[in-house]
Amino acid sequence: MFKRGQARKGSGRGRRKRYLRKKICRFCADKVMQIDYKDLKRLRSLVTERGKIIPARISGNCAKHQRQLTLAIKRARSIALMPYTVEK
């Protein structure tokens, strides 16, 4: 048993805090006003190998550009420029 005040392995105590730098939106940095559904090189980098759209909290996109990105990916999928799922 652990004594009072003694931290267990894996409890929250004694861990170091990691300071991650703030992610910046790559579209705002490049001053892109509108995301084009025909720009497959840019769109493929924001989709997983399973075909899922990477969320903004991971990619660092702002809300405005994440909405545009989602719409562009869905348009590219609907006209068969991008696959909906992974090919087996």
N, C-alpha and C. Protein backbone atom coordinates (compact mmCIF):
# COMPACT_ATOMS: atom_id res chain seq x y z
N MET A 1 0.83 -1.19 0.00
CA MET A 1 0.00 0.00 0.00
C MET A 1 0.87 1.25 0.00
N PHE A 2 0.29 2.33 -0.46
CA PHE A 2 0.99 3.60 -0.48
C PHE A 2 0.64 4.39 0.76
N LYS A 3 1.63 5.08 1.27
CA LYS A 3 1.40 5.94 2.42
C LYS A 3 0.76 7.24 1.96
N ARG A 4 0.18 7.92 2.88
CA ARG A 4 -0.45 9.19 2.57
C ARG A 4 0.59 10.18 2.03
N GLY A 5 0.26 10.85 0.92
CA GLY A 5 1.18 11.84 0.35
C GLY A 5 2.16 11.23 -0.64
N GLN A 6 2.19 9.91 -0.72
CA GLN A 6 3.12 9.26 -1.63
C GLN A 6 2.39 9.03 -2.96
N ALA A 7 3.04 9.38 -4.04
CA ALA A 7 2.39 9.30 -5.35
C ALA A 7 2.53 7.90 -5.93
N ARG A 8 1.47 7.44 -6.56
CA ARG A 8 1.51 6.18 -7.27
C ARG A 8 2.14 6.39 -8.63
N LYS A 9 2.60 5.32 -9.18
CA LYS A 9 3.11 5.39 -10.54
C LYS A 9 1.92 5.58 -11.48
N GLY A 10 1.95 6.62 -12.26
CA GLY A 10 0.87 6.87 -13.21
C GLY A 10 -0.23 7.77 -12.69
N SER A 11 -0.18 8.13 -11.40
CA SER A 11 -1.20 9.08 -10.93
C SER A 11 -0.83 10.45 -11.48
N GLY A 12 -1.48 11.46 -11.31
CA GLY A 12 -1.17 12.75 -11.91
C GLY A 12 -0.05 13.50 -11.25
N ARG A 13 0.38 13.07 -10.10
CA ARG A 13 1.37 13.83 -9.35
C ARG A 13 2.79 13.61 -9.85
N GLY A 14 3.57 14.64 -9.77
CA GLY A 14 4.98 14.52 -10.10
C GLY A 14 5.29 14.48 -11.58
N ARG A 15 4.29 14.57 -12.41
CA ARG A 15 4.56 14.55 -13.85
C ARG A 15 5.00 15.93 -14.30
N ARG A 16 5.82 15.93 -15.31
CA ARG A 16 6.25 17.20 -15.88
C ARG A 16 5.22 17.66 -16.89
N LYS A 17 4.99 18.94 -16.91
CA LYS A 17 4.07 19.50 -17.89
C LYS A 17 4.83 19.73 -19.19
N ARG A 18 4.22 19.33 -20.27
CA ARG A 18 4.84 19.59 -21.57
C ARG A 18 4.22 20.85 -22.14
N TYR A 19 5.04 21.74 -22.59
CA TYR A 19 4.56 22.97 -23.21
C TYR A 19 4.71 22.83 -24.71
N LEU A 20 3.59 22.62 -25.36
CA LEU A 20 3.59 22.50 -26.80
C LEU A 20 3.38 23.87 -27.41
N ARG A 21 4.07 24.12 -28.50
CA ARG A 21 3.87 25.42 -29.13
C ARG A 21 2.54 25.41 -29.84
N LYS A 22 1.94 26.58 -29.94
CA LYS A 22 0.62 26.70 -30.54
C LYS A 22 0.70 26.40 -32.02
N LYS A 23 -0.23 25.57 -32.48
CA LYS A 23 -0.28 25.23 -33.90
C LYS A 23 -0.91 26.39 -34.66
N ILE A 24 -0.35 26.67 -35.81
CA ILE A 24 -0.89 27.76 -36.62
C ILE A 24 -1.58 27.17 -37.85
N CYS A 25 -2.56 27.85 -38.32
CA CYS A 25 -3.30 27.41 -39.50
C CYS A 25 -2.42 27.60 -40.73
N ARG A 26 -2.21 26.52 -41.47
CA ARG A 26 -1.33 26.61 -42.65
C ARG A 26 -1.95 27.44 -43.76
N PHE A 27 -3.27 27.52 -43.78
CA PHE A 27 -3.95 28.33 -44.81
C PHE A 27 -3.85 29.81 -44.48
N CYS A 28 -3.95 30.16 -43.20
CA CYS A 28 -3.78 31.56 -42.79
C CYS A 28 -2.34 32.01 -43.01
N ALA A 29 -1.39 31.12 -42.75
CA ALA A 29 0.02 31.45 -42.92
C ALA A 29 0.35 31.70 -44.39
N ASP A 30 -0.28 30.93 -45.29
CA ASP A 30 -0.06 31.10 -46.73
C ASP A 30 -0.99 32.14 -47.34
N LYS A 31 -1.88 32.72 -46.53
CA LYS A 31 -2.85 33.72 -46.96
C LYS A 31 -3.75 33.19 -48.07
N VAL A 32 -4.24 31.97 -47.87
CA VAL A 32 -5.18 31.35 -48.81
C VAL A 32 -6.57 31.81 -48.42
N MET A 33 -7.28 32.40 -49.37
CA MET A 33 -8.63 32.89 -49.08
C MET A 33 -9.66 31.78 -49.27
N GLN A 34 -9.53 31.00 -50.33
CA GLN A 34 -10.50 29.96 -50.63
C GLN A 34 -9.74 28.66 -50.90
N ILE A 35 -10.19 27.57 -50.31
CA ILE A 35 -9.57 26.27 -50.53
C ILE A 35 -10.24 25.63 -51.74
N ASP A 36 -9.42 25.23 -52.71
CA ASP A 36 -9.93 24.68 -53.96
C ASP A 36 -10.02 23.16 -53.88
N TYR A 37 -11.13 22.60 -54.31
CA TYR A 37 -11.32 21.15 -54.26
C TYR A 37 -10.46 20.43 -55.28
N LYS A 38 -9.92 21.16 -56.27
CA LYS A 38 -9.07 20.54 -57.29
C LYS A 38 -7.60 20.47 -56.88
N ASP A 39 -7.26 21.10 -55.76
CA ASP A 39 -5.88 21.08 -55.26
C ASP A 39 -5.66 19.82 -54.43
N LEU A 40 -5.48 18.70 -55.10
CA LEU A 40 -5.42 17.40 -54.43
C LEU A 40 -4.17 17.23 -53.58
N LYS A 41 -3.09 17.85 -53.97
CA LYS A 41 -1.85 17.74 -53.20
C LYS A 41 -2.06 18.27 -51.78
N ARG A 42 -2.72 19.39 -51.67
CA ARG A 42 -2.98 20.00 -50.36
C ARG A 42 -4.04 19.22 -49.57
N LEU A 43 -5.05 18.74 -50.28
CA LEU A 43 -6.13 18.02 -49.60
C LEU A 43 -5.68 16.66 -49.08
N ARG A 44 -4.85 15.96 -49.84
CA ARG A 44 -4.41 14.63 -49.42
C ARG A 44 -3.56 14.67 -48.15
N SER A 45 -2.88 15.78 -47.92
CA SER A 45 -2.05 15.88 -46.71
C SER A 45 -2.91 16.04 -45.45
N LEU A 46 -4.18 16.36 -45.62
CA LEU A 46 -5.07 16.57 -44.48
C LEU A 46 -6.12 15.47 -44.34
N VAL A 47 -5.84 14.32 -44.97
CA VAL A 47 -6.70 13.15 -44.87
C VAL A 47 -5.82 11.98 -44.45
N THR A 48 -6.33 11.14 -43.54
CA THR A 48 -5.55 9.98 -43.10
C THR A 48 -5.48 8.94 -44.20
N GLU A 49 -4.65 7.93 -43.99
CA GLU A 49 -4.57 6.87 -45.00
C GLU A 49 -5.83 6.03 -45.06
N ARG A 50 -6.67 6.10 -44.03
CA ARG A 50 -7.97 5.42 -44.03
C ARG A 50 -9.05 6.25 -44.74
N GLY A 51 -8.75 7.51 -45.05
CA GLY A 51 -9.71 8.36 -45.76
C GLY A 51 -10.46 9.32 -44.86
N LYS A 52 -10.08 9.40 -43.58
CA LYS A 52 -10.77 10.30 -42.66
C LYS A 52 -10.13 11.69 -42.69
N ILE A 53 -10.94 12.70 -42.50
CA ILE A 53 -10.46 14.08 -42.46
C ILE A 53 -9.81 14.31 -41.09
N ILE A 54 -8.61 14.86 -41.09
CA ILE A 54 -7.89 15.12 -39.84
C ILE A 54 -8.55 16.29 -39.12
N PRO A 55 -8.87 16.15 -37.81
CA PRO A 55 -9.53 17.23 -37.09
C PRO A 55 -8.65 18.45 -36.90
N ALA A 56 -9.28 19.58 -36.65
CA ALA A 56 -8.56 20.85 -36.52
C ALA A 56 -7.65 20.87 -35.31
N ARG A 57 -8.01 20.17 -34.24
CA ARG A 57 -7.16 20.18 -33.05
C ARG A 57 -5.84 19.47 -33.29
N ILE A 58 -5.79 18.59 -34.29
CA ILE A 58 -4.55 17.92 -34.64
C ILE A 58 -3.82 18.66 -35.74
N SER A 59 -4.54 19.08 -36.78
CA SER A 59 -3.90 19.75 -37.91
C SER A 59 -3.53 21.19 -37.60
N GLY A 60 -4.26 21.83 -36.67
CA GLY A 60 -3.95 23.21 -36.31
C GLY A 60 -4.69 24.24 -37.14
N ASN A 61 -5.62 23.80 -37.96
CA ASN A 61 -6.37 24.74 -38.80
C ASN A 61 -7.33 25.57 -37.96
N CYS A 62 -7.59 26.78 -38.42
CA CYS A 62 -8.60 27.60 -37.75
C CYS A 62 -9.98 27.09 -38.17
N ALA A 63 -11.02 27.51 -37.46
CA ALA A 63 -12.37 27.00 -37.70
C ALA A 63 -12.87 27.33 -39.10
N LYS A 64 -12.57 28.53 -39.56
CA LYS A 64 -13.02 28.96 -40.89
C LYS A 64 -12.43 28.07 -41.98
N HIS A 65 -11.14 27.84 -41.91
CA HIS A 65 -10.49 27.04 -42.94
C HIS A 65 -10.79 25.56 -42.78
N GLN A 66 -11.06 25.09 -41.57
CA GLN A 66 -11.42 23.69 -41.38
C GLN A 66 -12.78 23.41 -42.05
N ARG A 67 -13.70 24.35 -41.94
CA ARG A 67 -15.00 24.18 -42.60
C ARG A 67 -14.84 24.17 -44.12
N GLN A 68 -14.01 25.07 -44.64
CA GLN A 68 -13.76 25.11 -46.09
C GLN A 68 -13.07 23.83 -46.56
N LEU A 69 -12.14 23.34 -45.75
CA LEU A 69 -11.40 22.13 -46.07
C LEU A 69 -12.34 20.93 -46.14
N THR A 70 -13.22 20.81 -45.17
CA THR A 70 -14.19 19.71 -45.15
C THR A 70 -15.07 19.74 -46.39
N LEU A 71 -15.56 20.91 -46.75
CA LEU A 71 -16.40 21.06 -47.93
C LEU A 71 -15.62 20.70 -49.20
N ALA A 72 -14.37 21.14 -49.30
CA ALA A 72 -13.55 20.85 -50.48
C ALA A 72 -13.27 19.36 -50.61
N ILE A 73 -12.98 18.68 -49.50
CA ILE A 73 -12.73 17.24 -49.53
C ILE A 73 -13.99 16.49 -49.94
N LYS A 74 -15.14 16.90 -49.41
CA LYS A 74 -16.40 16.24 -49.77
C LYS A 74 -16.73 16.45 -51.24
N ARG A 75 -16.43 17.63 -51.77
CA ARG A 75 -16.66 17.88 -53.21
C ARG A 75 -15.74 17.04 -54.06
N ALA A 76 -14.47 16.96 -53.66
CA ALA A 76 -13.50 16.16 -54.42
C ALA A 76 -13.88 14.68 -54.40
N ARG A 77 -14.42 14.22 -53.28
CA ARG A 77 -14.87 12.83 -53.20
C ARG A 77 -16.08 12.58 -54.10
N SER A 78 -17.00 13.53 -54.13
CA SER A 78 -18.24 13.31 -54.89
C SER A 78 -18.01 13.27 -56.39
N ILE A 79 -16.99 13.95 -56.89
CA ILE A 79 -16.71 13.88 -58.33
C ILE A 79 -15.52 12.96 -58.62
N ALA A 80 -15.21 12.08 -57.64
CA ALA A 80 -14.24 10.99 -57.79
C ALA A 80 -12.80 11.45 -58.00
N LEU A 81 -12.43 12.60 -57.44
CA LEU A 81 -11.02 13.00 -57.46
C LEU A 81 -10.27 12.39 -56.28
N MET A 82 -11.02 12.12 -55.20
CA MET A 82 -10.45 11.48 -54.00
C MET A 82 -11.33 10.30 -53.62
N PRO A 83 -10.73 9.25 -53.04
CA PRO A 83 -11.54 8.11 -52.62
C PRO A 83 -12.24 8.38 -51.29
N TYR A 84 -13.38 7.72 -51.09
CA TYR A 84 -14.08 7.83 -49.81
C TYR A 84 -13.37 7.00 -48.75
N THR A 85 -12.89 5.82 -49.13
CA THR A 85 -12.21 4.92 -48.20
C THR A 85 -10.91 4.43 -48.81
N VAL A 86 -10.20 3.65 -48.01
CA VAL A 86 -8.93 3.09 -48.47
C VAL A 86 -9.21 1.99 -49.49
N GLU A 87 -8.32 1.88 -50.46
CA GLU A 87 -8.46 0.83 -51.47
C GLU A 87 -7.76 -0.43 -50.97
N LYS A 88 -8.42 -1.58 -51.10
CA LYS A 88 -7.84 -2.86 -50.62
C LYS A 88 -7.12 -3.57 -51.72
